[in-house]
Every structure is written in C-alpha cells, then in structure tokens.
C-alpha cells in the first residue's frame, strides 16, 4: 500500500484534514467575512458520507485524521462521528481543531469517543480584543473550555494563535506565559490570504521570525526536530520543558516540500493544496456510486498525481484564493 497515496512528486500522503461544517459560532476576522452565507444543507455531506470517506481514506493509507470546520463541535452528531472514525482499523489517531466554545460540555465525551489531541484557537487573553477578533466570541467561555479539555485527559492540547500586527502581536509573550502556566503547547500562525475579508492582509502581516525574536527576548529557545505530523516547526523553552512553541509559516518559510496532507471540505471537495484551487468532487462520486468505492479510489489516485508542488501565498498582494478559511477546513 506504500504507493497508494503518493503524489506525483513522491510525497506520501497519510494525513487528512476533514471539515464537518462550514458554520461557526464565531466570525474571526482572518477566517471569514462579517456577514457570511453558508452552504445549503443539501450541499453538505451527511454524517454517513463523512464516515464512508473516512473509512475509504484510512483504507488507502491515511493514518491521521483531523476534524475541522468552521467549528466542528456545533455539528449535530459530532461525538458519534468521532467514535466511529476513531474505531477504524489502521487509523493511528483522530484529532480535532476547535475554537473552544463548546468544550465545556463536550471535552470529556470527545476523549471517551477516541479523540487523542485537541488544538484550540486562542488569539487574545484580553476580553475586548478577543471579541474584536472573533466578532462575537466570549473569552471566559473559551478559557473554561481549555480548562475542561485539560481535565478531560487529551493526550496533548495545543493552542493556535494567528498573529496580526495592530491586533494581538503585543500579546505574544502573555500567550506564551499562559501556555507555560497551563503546561500545554502553543503555535503561532502567519495569517493566510484566503478569502476577501474586507481589509488588506499586508497591513497586519507578522512573520514567524518576528514572533520568534520577540519570544527569544524573554526565553531561551532550543530548536527541536519534533513533529506533530503537520507543518509546525517546534522549539523548546530552556526553563519550561512542559511547553513547546510551534511556528506555522506558510508565507515566510514554505513547508510544501514535506507536505503529507490533503483537505476535504464539508461539501466533499478534496483540496489537493490549501493555496491552490485544484480539487476533486467527491460528493458527486459518493452519490453517483452509493455502493461502490472503486470509482472514488480511482479518482483519488488520479487526482493525487496532480497535487501541486507548492502554494504561492503573498500576503502583500491581492487575494489569490477566494474561498474562506472556514470553507477550506480551518
């Protein structure tokens, strides 16, 4: 099976990011427009279709699945879907990215269902700033969700922070300190130019090098070869061994050479690259062949041979990809 999920450049694909909804209870400024139009229900994959695709991809060699959105925890039936996917023979781990708003009630059911690790978005520790970035989020609710996640027993928890000048760059050290106190990891992410969000992204762009230099002004940093299976580059803190700092740098340090990922949107588009529009319509194949997976397998293998070598993000230029991050599977 070693060549079943290999692209045209010889990269082995074993990681699927699967969106379960394009909807979200936040409206983060880097992710979507203030007034969003969401997909009609009939265009969204059913839970049964999501399960079928997860089973198919694990059978082809995918070993890690990350459930995303939108906000995955507002999808009805999400815990049952997690339980079914986590039980698939051959899957190494099921993980999830969430905004944290629903973890107060769902963290423990998710660990019991088999979700191994949880990434939680946290872009500010200031209530007013947090609401400005998320447009309607409640910081206390998210902090309570993080505490619930810590208590629930996930194997690892990581915070994700999209750093933007003029919004939260001045909080980087505070966020690192919070992660240290909670004994969890944190990754700082360069904003990606996906979707027209009503402003120039170049005005707020902050590179990973700038963030790292700021952290290094207070903490001794040790480069690490550790990997969580995704694009983050990690460093360790000399005096705080329980916390790793990650940098995800799609603009300044292109990580495409080692890409092992594909994404699937909730309407069943298989995105071969986050920064390109190449995709395969799996929903159409699912519904055309309800009892036969072979046409889907053939289509996936053919599509992978056309996976682009790299993306070409330019935060200073015009929007290159019109779909929002929430549609891409965040």
C-alpha atoms as a PDB file:
ATOM      1  CA  UNK A   1       0.000   0.000   0.000  1.00  0.00           C
ATOM      2  CA  UNK A   2       3.070   2.305   0.167  1.00  0.00           C
ATOM      3  CA  UNK A   3       2.369   3.927  -3.218  1.00  0.00           C
ATOM      4  CA  UNK A   4      -1.424   4.062  -2.961  1.00  0.00           C
ATOM      5  CA  UNK A   5      -1.441   7.602  -1.508  1.00  0.00           C
ATOM      6  CA  UNK A   6       1.659   9.032  -3.158  1.00  0.00           C
ATOM      7  CA  UNK A   7       1.561  12.201  -5.217  1.00  0.00           C
ATOM      8  CA  UNK A   8       3.397  12.960  -8.452  1.00  0.00           C
ATOM      9  CA  UNK A   9       6.429  14.250  -6.531  1.00  0.00           C
ATOM     10  CA  UNK A  10       6.812  11.105  -4.436  1.00  0.00           C
ATOM     11  CA  UNK A  11       5.339  12.606  -1.254  1.00  0.00           C
ATOM     12  CA  UNK A  12       3.462  10.073   0.866  1.00  0.00           C
ATOM     13  CA  UNK A  13       0.003  11.353   1.862  1.00  0.00           C
ATOM     14  CA  UNK A  14      -1.093   9.990   5.233  1.00  0.00           C
ATOM     15  CA  UNK A  15      -2.898  12.971   6.828  1.00  0.00           C
ATOM     16  CA  UNK A  16      -6.458  14.051   6.009  1.00  0.00           C
ATOM     17  CA  UNK A  17      -7.998  17.259   7.345  1.00  0.00           C
ATOM     18  CA  UNK A  18     -11.743  16.743   7.116  1.00  0.00           C
ATOM     19  CA  UNK A  19     -14.216  19.590   7.548  1.00  0.00           C
ATOM     20  CA  UNK A  20     -17.524  18.596   9.112  1.00  0.00           C
ATOM     21  CA  UNK A  21     -19.204  22.011   8.782  1.00  0.00           C
ATOM     22  CA  UNK A  22     -18.604  25.429   7.226  1.00  0.00           C
ATOM     23  CA  UNK A  23     -20.625  27.050  10.021  1.00  0.00           C
ATOM     24  CA  UNK A  24     -19.186  28.624  13.147  1.00  0.00           C
ATOM     25  CA  UNK A  25     -20.403  30.443  16.221  1.00  0.00           C
ATOM     26  CA  UNK A  26     -17.518  32.957  15.802  1.00  0.00           C
ATOM     27  CA  UNK A  27     -16.722  35.260  12.863  1.00  0.00           C
ATOM     28  CA  UNK A  28     -12.947  35.603  13.209  1.00  0.00           C
ATOM     29  CA  UNK A  29     -11.532  38.451  11.132  1.00  0.00           C
ATOM     30  CA  UNK A  30      -8.860  36.286   9.460  1.00  0.00           C
ATOM     31  CA  UNK A  31     -11.218  33.395   8.709  1.00  0.00           C
ATOM     32  CA  UNK A  32     -14.444  34.770   7.261  1.00  0.00           C
ATOM     33  CA  UNK A  33     -16.442  37.832   6.366  1.00  0.00           C
ATOM     34  CA  UNK A  34     -18.646  39.543   8.947  1.00  0.00           C
ATOM     35  CA  UNK A  35     -21.830  38.549   7.127  1.00  0.00           C
ATOM     36  CA  UNK A  36     -21.353  35.026   5.826  1.00  0.00           C
ATOM     37  CA  UNK A  37     -23.561  32.994   3.523  1.00  0.00           C
ATOM     38  CA  UNK A  38     -23.285  29.347   4.495  1.00  0.00           C
ATOM     39  CA  UNK A  39     -23.888  26.279   2.354  1.00  0.00           C
ATOM     40  CA  UNK A  40     -27.426  24.976   1.889  1.00  0.00           C
ATOM     41  CA  UNK A  41     -27.976  21.783   3.880  1.00  0.00           C
ATOM     42  CA  UNK A  42     -28.353  19.606   0.798  1.00  0.00           C
ATOM     43  CA  UNK A  43     -24.834  20.534  -0.327  1.00  0.00           C
ATOM     44  CA  UNK A  44     -23.275  19.429   2.957  1.00  0.00           C
ATOM     45  CA  UNK A  45     -22.053  15.857   3.353  1.00  0.00           C
ATOM     46  CA  UNK A  46     -24.156  13.761   5.702  1.00  0.00           C
ATOM     47  CA  UNK A  47     -22.599  12.074   8.719  1.00  0.00           C
ATOM     48  CA  UNK A  48     -22.861   8.770   6.871  1.00  0.00           C
ATOM     49  CA  UNK A  49     -20.999  10.230   3.874  1.00  0.00           C
ATOM     50  CA  UNK A  50     -18.293  11.653   6.124  1.00  0.00           C
ATOM     51  CA  UNK A  51     -17.911   8.250   7.762  1.00  0.00           C
ATOM     52  CA  UNK A  52     -17.738   6.489   4.407  1.00  0.00           C
ATOM     53  CA  UNK A  53     -14.994   8.818   3.171  1.00  0.00           C
ATOM     54  CA  UNK A  54     -13.013   8.470   6.391  1.00  0.00           C
ATOM     55  CA  UNK A  55     -13.193   4.693   6.037  1.00  0.00           C
ATOM     56  CA  UNK A  56     -12.103   4.886   2.406  1.00  0.00           C
ATOM     57  CA  UNK A  57      -9.089   7.096   3.101  1.00  0.00           C
ATOM     58  CA  UNK A  58      -7.912   5.037   6.072  1.00  0.00           C
ATOM     59  CA  UNK A  59      -8.121   2.007   3.811  1.00  0.00           C
ATOM     60  CA  UNK A  60      -5.861   3.827   1.342  1.00  0.00           C
ATOM     61  CA  UNK A  61      -3.212   4.600   3.945  1.00  0.00           C
ATOM     62  CA  UNK A  62      -4.300   7.718   5.840  1.00  0.00           C
ATOM     63  CA  UNK A  63      -3.095   7.339   9.428  1.00  0.00           C
ATOM     64  CA  UNK A  64      -4.140  10.684  10.912  1.00  0.00           C
ATOM     65  CA  UNK A  65      -7.471  12.483  10.521  1.00  0.00           C
ATOM     66  CA  UNK A  66      -8.124  15.977  11.868  1.00  0.00           C
ATOM     67  CA  UNK A  67     -11.753  17.086  12.092  1.00  0.00           C
ATOM     68  CA  UNK A  68     -12.164  20.798  11.413  1.00  0.00           C
ATOM     69  CA  UNK A  69     -14.742  23.363  10.352  1.00  0.00           C
ATOM     70  CA  UNK A  70     -15.990  26.049  10.690  1.00  0.00           C
ATOM     71  CA  UNK A  71     -16.437  24.952  14.252  1.00  0.00           C
ATOM     72  CA  UNK A  72     -16.742  21.143  14.278  1.00  0.00           C
ATOM     73  CA  UNK A  73     -18.392  20.983  17.695  1.00  0.00           C
ATOM     74  CA  UNK A  74     -21.555  22.737  16.518  1.00  0.00           C
ATOM     75  CA  UNK A  75     -22.249  19.906  14.050  1.00  0.00           C
ATOM     76  CA  UNK A  76     -25.059  17.716  15.474  1.00  0.00           C
ATOM     77  CA  UNK A  77     -23.878  14.137  15.935  1.00  0.00           C
ATOM     78  CA  UNK A  78     -20.194  15.056  16.125  1.00  0.00           C
ATOM     79  CA  UNK A  79     -19.391  12.835  19.120  1.00  0.00           C
ATOM     80  CA  UNK A  80     -20.869   9.767  17.445  1.00  0.00           C
ATOM     81  CA  UNK A  81     -18.966  10.536  14.245  1.00  0.00           C
ATOM     82  CA  UNK A  82     -15.747  10.798  16.263  1.00  0.00           C
ATOM     83  CA  UNK A  83     -16.434   7.456  17.921  1.00  0.00           C
ATOM     84  CA  UNK A  84     -16.978   5.730  14.588  1.00  0.00           C
ATOM     85  CA  UNK A  85     -13.903   7.231  12.915  1.00  0.00           C
ATOM     86  CA  UNK A  86     -11.618   6.611  15.906  1.00  0.00           C
ATOM     87  CA  UNK A  87     -12.536   2.909  15.779  1.00  0.00           C
ATOM     88  CA  UNK A  88     -11.347   2.450  12.174  1.00  0.00           C
ATOM     89  CA  UNK A  89      -8.637  -0.235  11.942  1.00  0.00           C
ATOM     90  CA  UNK A  90      -5.368   1.292  10.793  1.00  0.00           C
ATOM     91  CA  UNK A  91      -6.049   4.866  11.957  1.00  0.00           C
ATOM     92  CA  UNK A  92      -3.220   5.998  14.232  1.00  0.00           C
ATOM     93  CA  UNK A  93      -5.004   8.996  15.695  1.00  0.00           C
ATOM     94  CA  UNK A  94      -8.101  11.150  15.421  1.00  0.00           C
ATOM     95  CA  UNK A  95      -7.507  14.786  16.384  1.00  0.00           C
ATOM     96  CA  UNK A  96      -9.547  17.972  16.214  1.00  0.00           C
ATOM     97  CA  UNK A  97      -9.253  21.749  15.895  1.00  0.00           C
ATOM     98  CA  UNK A  98     -11.852  23.826  17.771  1.00  0.00           C
ATOM     99  CA  UNK A  99     -12.471  27.399  18.854  1.00  0.00           C
ATOM    100  CA  UNK A 100     -13.095  26.058  22.359  1.00  0.00           C
ATOM    101  CA  UNK A 101     -16.581  27.489  22.823  1.00  0.00           C
ATOM    102  CA  UNK A 102     -18.274  24.091  23.211  1.00  0.00           C
ATOM    103  CA  UNK A 103     -15.542  22.211  25.065  1.00  0.00           C
ATOM    104  CA  UNK A 104     -17.053  22.900  28.468  1.00  0.00           C
ATOM    105  CA  UNK A 105     -19.765  20.345  27.696  1.00  0.00           C
ATOM    106  CA  UNK A 106     -18.057  18.178  25.071  1.00  0.00           C
ATOM    107  CA  UNK A 107     -14.391  17.765  26.098  1.00  0.00           C
ATOM    108  CA  UNK A 108     -14.906  14.598  28.122  1.00  0.00           C
ATOM    109  CA  UNK A 109     -17.329  12.939  25.660  1.00  0.00           C
ATOM    110  CA  UNK A 110     -14.749  13.582  22.931  1.00  0.00           C
ATOM    111  CA  UNK A 111     -11.906  11.914  24.814  1.00  0.00           C
ATOM    112  CA  UNK A 112     -14.191   8.998  25.600  1.00  0.00           C
ATOM    113  CA  UNK A 113     -15.057   8.788  21.882  1.00  0.00           C
ATOM    114  CA  UNK A 114     -11.371   8.446  20.987  1.00  0.00           C
ATOM    115  CA  UNK A 115     -10.175  11.959  20.060  1.00  0.00           C
ATOM    116  CA  UNK A 116      -6.481  11.911  21.025  1.00  0.00           C
ATOM    117  CA  UNK A 117      -5.364  15.542  20.737  1.00  0.00           C
ATOM    118  CA  UNK A 118      -7.104  18.909  20.667  1.00  0.00           C
ATOM    119  CA  UNK A 119      -5.981  22.171  19.065  1.00  0.00           C
ATOM    120  CA  UNK A 120      -7.799  25.214  20.447  1.00  0.00           C
ATOM    121  CA  UNK A 121      -7.769  28.669  18.864  1.00  0.00           C
ATOM    122  CA  UNK A 122      -6.828  31.464  21.254  1.00  0.00           C
ATOM    123  CA  UNK A 123      -5.822  34.787  19.711  1.00  0.00           C
ATOM    124  CA  UNK A 124      -6.047  37.053  22.748  1.00  0.00           C
ATOM    125  CA  UNK A 125      -6.260  36.993  26.543  1.00  0.00           C
ATOM    126  CA  UNK A 126      -7.964  40.385  26.623  1.00  0.00           C
ATOM    127  CA  UNK A 127     -11.753  40.078  26.610  1.00  0.00           C
ATOM    128  CA  UNK A 128     -12.339  43.155  24.444  1.00  0.00           C
ATOM    129  CA  UNK A 129      -9.615  42.246  21.947  1.00  0.00           C
ATOM    130  CA  UNK A 130     -10.878  38.678  21.821  1.00  0.00           C
ATOM    131  CA  UNK A 131     -14.370  39.860  20.969  1.00  0.00           C
ATOM    132  CA  UNK A 132     -12.990  42.245  18.326  1.00  0.00           C
ATOM    133  CA  UNK A 133     -11.001  39.451  16.638  1.00  0.00           C
ATOM    134  CA  UNK A 134     -13.780  36.846  16.845  1.00  0.00           C
ATOM    135  CA  UNK A 135     -16.522  39.478  16.389  1.00  0.00           C
ATOM    136  CA  UNK A 136     -18.795  37.721  18.902  1.00  0.00           C
ATOM    137  CA  UNK A 137     -16.706  35.303  20.976  1.00  0.00           C
ATOM    138  CA  UNK A 138     -16.717  35.104  24.785  1.00  0.00           C
ATOM    139  CA  UNK A 139     -13.163  34.755  26.151  1.00  0.00           C
ATOM    140  CA  UNK A 140     -14.266  33.341  29.501  1.00  0.00           C
ATOM    141  CA  UNK A 141     -16.242  30.615  27.745  1.00  0.00           C
ATOM    142  CA  UNK A 142     -13.152  29.606  25.758  1.00  0.00           C
ATOM    143  CA  UNK A 143     -10.880  29.678  28.824  1.00  0.00           C
ATOM    144  CA  UNK A 144     -13.383  27.452  30.619  1.00  0.00           C
ATOM    145  CA  UNK A 145     -13.284  25.170  27.587  1.00  0.00           C
ATOM    146  CA  UNK A 146      -9.494  24.958  27.762  1.00  0.00           C
ATOM    147  CA  UNK A 147      -9.729  24.002  31.433  1.00  0.00           C
ATOM    148  CA  UNK A 148     -12.337  21.367  30.609  1.00  0.00           C
ATOM    149  CA  UNK A 149     -10.034  19.979  27.913  1.00  0.00           C
ATOM    150  CA  UNK A 150      -7.146  19.768  30.391  1.00  0.00           C
ATOM    151  CA  UNK A 151      -9.352  17.918  32.850  1.00  0.00           C
ATOM    152  CA  UNK A 152     -10.740  15.554  30.204  1.00  0.00           C
ATOM    153  CA  UNK A 153      -7.402  13.851  29.588  1.00  0.00           C
ATOM    154  CA  UNK A 154      -6.465  14.533  25.957  1.00  0.00           C
ATOM    155  CA  UNK A 155      -3.000  13.183  25.198  1.00  0.00           C
ATOM    156  CA  UNK A 156      -1.919  16.671  24.191  1.00  0.00           C
ATOM    157  CA  UNK A 157      -3.509  20.122  23.940  1.00  0.00           C
ATOM    158  CA  UNK A 158      -2.149  22.895  21.749  1.00  0.00           C
ATOM    159  CA  UNK A 159      -3.245  26.499  21.438  1.00  0.00           C
ATOM    160  CA  UNK A 160      -3.298  28.113  17.989  1.00  0.00           C
ATOM    161  CA  UNK A 161      -2.768  31.860  17.669  1.00  0.00           C
ATOM    162  CA  UNK A 162      -2.936  33.755  14.367  1.00  0.00           C
ATOM    163  CA  UNK A 163      -0.621  36.721  14.941  1.00  0.00           C
ATOM    164  CA  UNK A 164      -1.607  40.092  13.460  1.00  0.00           C
ATOM    165  CA  UNK A 165       0.091  43.443  13.908  1.00  0.00           C
ATOM    166  CA  UNK A 166      -2.226  46.043  15.337  1.00  0.00           C
ATOM    167  CA  UNK A 167      -4.421  43.373  16.905  1.00  0.00           C
ATOM    168  CA  UNK A 168      -2.532  40.862  19.070  1.00  0.00           C
ATOM    169  CA  UNK A 169       1.221  40.944  18.338  1.00  0.00           C
ATOM    170  CA  UNK A 170       1.653  42.761  21.651  1.00  0.00           C
ATOM    171  CA  UNK A 171       0.173  39.734  23.449  1.00  0.00           C
ATOM    172  CA  UNK A 172       2.596  37.091  22.177  1.00  0.00           C
ATOM    173  CA  UNK A 173       4.603  36.950  25.418  1.00  0.00           C
ATOM    174  CA  UNK A 174       1.446  36.870  27.527  1.00  0.00           C
ATOM    175  CA  UNK A 175       0.104  33.975  25.468  1.00  0.00           C
ATOM    176  CA  UNK A 176       3.385  32.088  25.880  1.00  0.00           C
ATOM    177  CA  UNK A 177       3.195  32.652  29.624  1.00  0.00           C
ATOM    178  CA  UNK A 178      -0.387  31.376  29.704  1.00  0.00           C
ATOM    179  CA  UNK A 179       0.675  28.214  27.848  1.00  0.00           C
ATOM    180  CA  UNK A 180       3.529  27.716  30.325  1.00  0.00           C
ATOM    181  CA  UNK A 181       1.178  28.073  33.287  1.00  0.00           C
ATOM    182  CA  UNK A 182      -1.272  25.606  31.752  1.00  0.00           C
ATOM    183  CA  UNK A 183       1.573  23.221  30.754  1.00  0.00           C
ATOM    184  CA  UNK A 184       0.318  23.000  27.179  1.00  0.00           C
ATOM    185  CA  UNK A 185       1.777  23.795  23.753  1.00  0.00           C
ATOM    186  CA  UNK A 186       1.150  26.859  21.615  1.00  0.00           C
ATOM    187  CA  UNK A 187       1.664  27.526  17.895  1.00  0.00           C
ATOM    188  CA  UNK A 188       1.884  30.959  16.312  1.00  0.00           C
ATOM    189  CA  UNK A 189       0.496  31.078  12.775  1.00  0.00           C
ATOM    190  CA  UNK A 190       1.077  33.534   9.954  1.00  0.00           C
ATOM    191  CA  UNK A 191      -2.200  34.805   8.529  1.00  0.00           C
ATOM    192  CA  UNK A 192      -3.083  33.089   5.258  1.00  0.00           C
ATOM    193  CA  UNK A 193      -4.512  35.126   2.337  1.00  0.00           C
ATOM    194  CA  UNK A 194      -7.697  33.110   1.900  1.00  0.00           C
ATOM    195  CA  UNK A 195     -10.943  34.911   1.060  1.00  0.00           C
ATOM    196  CA  UNK A 196     -11.803  38.602   0.816  1.00  0.00           C
ATOM    197  CA  UNK A 197     -12.190  39.750   4.439  1.00  0.00           C
ATOM    198  CA  UNK A 198     -12.621  43.462   3.796  1.00  0.00           C
ATOM    199  CA  UNK A 199      -9.074  44.670   4.526  1.00  0.00           C
ATOM    200  CA  UNK A 200      -5.535  44.395   3.221  1.00  0.00           C
ATOM    201  CA  UNK A 201      -3.833  41.486   4.981  1.00  0.00           C
ATOM    202  CA  UNK A 202      -0.427  43.026   4.319  1.00  0.00           C
ATOM    203  CA  UNK A 203      -1.206  45.767   6.834  1.00  0.00           C
ATOM    204  CA  UNK A 204      -1.345  43.273   9.697  1.00  0.00           C
ATOM    205  CA  UNK A 205       1.014  40.537   8.458  1.00  0.00           C
ATOM    206  CA  UNK A 206       3.507  39.343  11.050  1.00  0.00           C
ATOM    207  CA  UNK A 207       6.179  36.803  10.163  1.00  0.00           C
ATOM    208  CA  UNK A 208       7.171  33.842  12.299  1.00  0.00           C
ATOM    209  CA  UNK A 209      10.710  35.256  12.505  1.00  0.00           C
ATOM    210  CA  UNK A 210       9.371  38.382  14.194  1.00  0.00           C
ATOM    211  CA  UNK A 211       7.347  36.313  16.659  1.00  0.00           C
ATOM    212  CA  UNK A 212      10.296  34.045  17.429  1.00  0.00           C
ATOM    213  CA  UNK A 213      12.600  37.023  18.017  1.00  0.00           C
ATOM    214  CA  UNK A 214      10.106  38.503  20.475  1.00  0.00           C
ATOM    215  CA  UNK A 215       9.811  35.226  22.407  1.00  0.00           C
ATOM    216  CA  UNK A 216      13.605  34.815  22.408  1.00  0.00           C
ATOM    217  CA  UNK A 217      13.926  38.217  24.098  1.00  0.00           C
ATOM    218  CA  UNK A 218      12.494  36.626  27.251  1.00  0.00           C
ATOM    219  CA  UNK A 219      13.030  32.865  26.903  1.00  0.00           C
ATOM    220  CA  UNK A 220      15.918  30.649  25.903  1.00  0.00           C
ATOM    221  CA  UNK A 221      14.797  28.660  22.850  1.00  0.00           C
ATOM    222  CA  UNK A 222      16.072  25.234  21.833  1.00  0.00           C
ATOM    223  CA  UNK A 223      15.435  24.066  18.283  1.00  0.00           C
ATOM    224  CA  UNK A 224      13.648  20.729  18.131  1.00  0.00           C
ATOM    225  CA  UNK A 225      13.191  18.109  15.435  1.00  0.00           C
ATOM    226  CA  UNK A 226       9.858  17.052  16.967  1.00  0.00           C
ATOM    227  CA  UNK A 227       6.838  16.838  14.706  1.00  0.00           C
ATOM    228  CA  UNK A 228       3.128  16.527  15.363  1.00  0.00           C
ATOM    229  CA  UNK A 229       2.524  15.295  11.821  1.00  0.00           C
ATOM    230  CA  UNK A 230       1.644  18.738  10.474  1.00  0.00           C
ATOM    231  CA  UNK A 231       3.501  21.844   9.230  1.00  0.00           C
ATOM    232  CA  UNK A 232       4.568  23.323  12.599  1.00  0.00           C
ATOM    233  CA  UNK A 233       8.282  23.767  13.392  1.00  0.00           C
ATOM    234  CA  UNK A 234       8.851  23.453  17.139  1.00  0.00           C
ATOM    235  CA  UNK A 235      11.210  24.894  19.702  1.00  0.00           C
ATOM    236  CA  UNK A 236      11.536  24.008  23.365  1.00  0.00           C
ATOM    237  CA  UNK A 237      11.834  26.504  26.211  1.00  0.00           C
ATOM    238  CA  UNK A 238      15.002  26.062  28.267  1.00  0.00           C
ATOM    239  CA  UNK A 239      13.281  26.552  31.613  1.00  0.00           C
ATOM    240  CA  UNK A 240       9.827  25.174  30.851  1.00  0.00           C
ATOM    241  CA  UNK A 241      10.024  21.609  29.455  1.00  0.00           C
ATOM    242  CA  UNK A 242       6.256  21.015  29.520  1.00  0.00           C
ATOM    243  CA  UNK A 243       5.557  23.595  26.783  1.00  0.00           C
ATOM    244  CA  UNK A 244       6.532  23.525  23.117  1.00  0.00           C
ATOM    245  CA  UNK A 245       6.342  26.595  20.896  1.00  0.00           C
ATOM    246  CA  UNK A 246       5.358  25.967  17.284  1.00  0.00           C
ATOM    247  CA  UNK A 247       5.625  28.218  14.231  1.00  0.00           C
ATOM    248  CA  UNK A 248       3.429  27.694  11.180  1.00  0.00           C
ATOM    249  CA  UNK A 249       4.846  29.840   8.391  1.00  0.00           C
ATOM    250  CA  UNK A 250       3.051  29.387   5.066  1.00  0.00           C
ATOM    251  CA  UNK A 251       4.274  32.742   3.794  1.00  0.00           C
ATOM    252  CA  UNK A 252       7.833  33.175   5.085  1.00  0.00           C
ATOM    253  CA  UNK A 253       9.058  29.568   5.374  1.00  0.00           C
ATOM    254  CA  UNK A 254       7.245  27.493   2.779  1.00  0.00           C
ATOM    255  CA  UNK A 255       6.778  23.944   4.107  1.00  0.00           C
ATOM    256  CA  UNK A 256       5.429  22.321   0.942  1.00  0.00           C
ATOM    257  CA  UNK A 257       8.432  20.108   0.235  1.00  0.00           C
ATOM    258  CA  UNK A 258       7.411  17.751   3.014  1.00  0.00           C
ATOM    259  CA  UNK A 259       3.634  18.101   2.595  1.00  0.00           C
ATOM    260  CA  UNK A 260       1.799  14.938   3.645  1.00  0.00           C
ATOM    261  CA  UNK A 261      -1.697  16.458   3.739  1.00  0.00           C
ATOM    262  CA  UNK A 262      -4.900  16.745   1.803  1.00  0.00           C
ATOM    263  CA  UNK A 263      -8.081  18.545   2.870  1.00  0.00           C
ATOM    264  CA  UNK A 264     -11.712  17.768   2.344  1.00  0.00           C
ATOM    265  CA  UNK A 265     -14.352  20.482   2.545  1.00  0.00           C
ATOM    266  CA  UNK A 266     -17.750  19.759   4.017  1.00  0.00           C
ATOM    267  CA  UNK A 267     -19.338  19.767   0.560  1.00  0.00           C
ATOM    268  CA  UNK A 268     -16.954  16.989  -0.453  1.00  0.00           C
ATOM    269  CA  UNK A 269     -14.288  18.877  -2.398  1.00  0.00           C
ATOM    270  CA  UNK A 270     -10.931  17.179  -1.975  1.00  0.00           C
ATOM    271  CA  UNK A 271      -8.423  20.046  -1.892  1.00  0.00           C
ATOM    272  CA  UNK A 272      -5.004  18.915  -3.012  1.00  0.00           C
ATOM    273  CA  UNK A 273      -3.354  22.112  -1.736  1.00  0.00           C
ATOM    274  CA  UNK A 274      -4.588  24.777   0.660  1.00  0.00           C
ATOM    275  CA  UNK A 275      -3.135  27.514  -1.531  1.00  0.00           C
ATOM    276  CA  UNK A 276      -4.406  26.258  -4.892  1.00  0.00           C
ATOM    277  CA  UNK A 277      -7.873  25.699  -6.313  1.00  0.00           C
ATOM    278  CA  UNK A 278      -7.216  22.174  -7.630  1.00  0.00           C
ATOM    279  CA  UNK A 279      -9.906  19.879  -6.225  1.00  0.00           C
ATOM    280  CA  UNK A 280     -11.878  16.693  -6.790  1.00  0.00           C
ATOM    281  CA  UNK A 281     -15.672  16.499  -6.374  1.00  0.00           C
ATOM    282  CA  UNK A 282     -16.073  13.530  -4.043  1.00  0.00           C
ATOM    283  CA  UNK A 283     -19.679  14.354  -3.175  1.00  0.00           C
ATOM    284  CA  UNK A 284     -20.771  13.764  -6.747  1.00  0.00           C
ATOM    285  CA  UNK A 285     -18.964  10.424  -6.825  1.00  0.00           C
ATOM    286  CA  UNK A 286     -20.348   9.401  -3.441  1.00  0.00           C
ATOM    287  CA  UNK A 287     -23.911   9.982  -4.553  1.00  0.00           C
ATOM    288  CA  UNK A 288     -23.412   8.508  -8.014  1.00  0.00           C
ATOM    289  CA  UNK A 289     -21.865   5.300  -6.624  1.00  0.00           C
ATOM    290  CA  UNK A 290     -23.541   4.696  -3.248  1.00  0.00           C
ATOM    291  CA  UNK A 291     -22.454   1.041  -3.053  1.00  0.00           C
ATOM    292  CA  UNK A 292     -19.140   1.028  -4.921  1.00  0.00           C
ATOM    293  CA  UNK A 293     -15.958   2.679  -3.605  1.00  0.00           C
ATOM    294  CA  UNK A 294     -13.725   1.743  -6.522  1.00  0.00           C
ATOM    295  CA  UNK A 295     -14.657   4.749  -8.719  1.00  0.00           C
ATOM    296  CA  UNK A 296     -13.813   7.026  -5.784  1.00  0.00           C
ATOM    297  CA  UNK A 297     -10.493   5.264  -5.177  1.00  0.00           C
ATOM    298  CA  UNK A 298      -9.559   5.554  -8.850  1.00  0.00           C
ATOM    299  CA  UNK A 299     -10.452   9.252  -8.902  1.00  0.00           C
ATOM    300  CA  UNK A 300      -8.463   9.996  -5.721  1.00  0.00           C
ATOM    301  CA  UNK A 301      -5.355   8.246  -7.002  1.00  0.00           C
ATOM    302  CA  UNK A 302      -5.568  10.079 -10.323  1.00  0.00           C
ATOM    303  CA  UNK A 303      -6.097  13.433  -8.584  1.00  0.00           C
ATOM    304  CA  UNK A 304      -3.117  12.928  -6.274  1.00  0.00           C
ATOM    305  CA  UNK A 305      -0.797  12.678  -9.244  1.00  0.00           C
ATOM    306  CA  UNK A 306      -1.740  16.288  -9.985  1.00  0.00           C
ATOM    307  CA  UNK A 307      -1.177  17.633  -6.469  1.00  0.00           C
ATOM    308  CA  UNK A 308       0.759  20.925  -6.887  1.00  0.00           C
ATOM    309  CA  UNK A 309       4.374  21.143  -5.771  1.00  0.00           C
ATOM    310  CA  UNK A 310       3.674  24.164  -3.571  1.00  0.00           C
ATOM    311  CA  UNK A 311       1.432  27.096  -2.824  1.00  0.00           C
ATOM    312  CA  UNK A 312       2.418  30.688  -3.618  1.00  0.00           C
ATOM    313  CA  UNK A 313       0.976  32.831  -0.846  1.00  0.00           C
ATOM    314  CA  UNK A 314       1.667  36.564  -0.999  1.00  0.00           C
ATOM    315  CA  UNK A 315       0.046  38.438   1.892  1.00  0.00           C
ATOM    316  CA  UNK A 316       1.031  41.786   0.370  1.00  0.00           C
ATOM    317  CA  UNK A 317      -0.819  41.197  -2.904  1.00  0.00           C
ATOM    318  CA  UNK A 318      -4.408  40.693  -3.990  1.00  0.00           C
ATOM    319  CA  UNK A 319      -6.457  37.793  -2.674  1.00  0.00           C
ATOM    320  CA  UNK A 320      -5.363  34.706  -4.568  1.00  0.00           C
ATOM    321  CA  UNK A 321      -7.838  32.167  -3.196  1.00  0.00           C
ATOM    322  CA  UNK A 322     -11.454  33.334  -2.987  1.00  0.00           C
ATOM    323  CA  UNK A 323     -12.688  30.615  -0.615  1.00  0.00           C
ATOM    324  CA  UNK A 324     -12.573  31.482   3.052  1.00  0.00           C
ATOM    325  CA  UNK A 325     -10.513  29.563   5.606  1.00  0.00           C
ATOM    326  CA  UNK A 326     -13.762  28.378   7.184  1.00  0.00           C
ATOM    327  CA  UNK A 327     -14.719  26.761   3.871  1.00  0.00           C
ATOM    328  CA  UNK A 328     -11.255  25.264   3.355  1.00  0.00           C
ATOM    329  CA  UNK A 329     -11.359  23.415   6.661  1.00  0.00           C
ATOM    330  CA  UNK A 330      -9.526  25.569   9.180  1.00  0.00           C
END
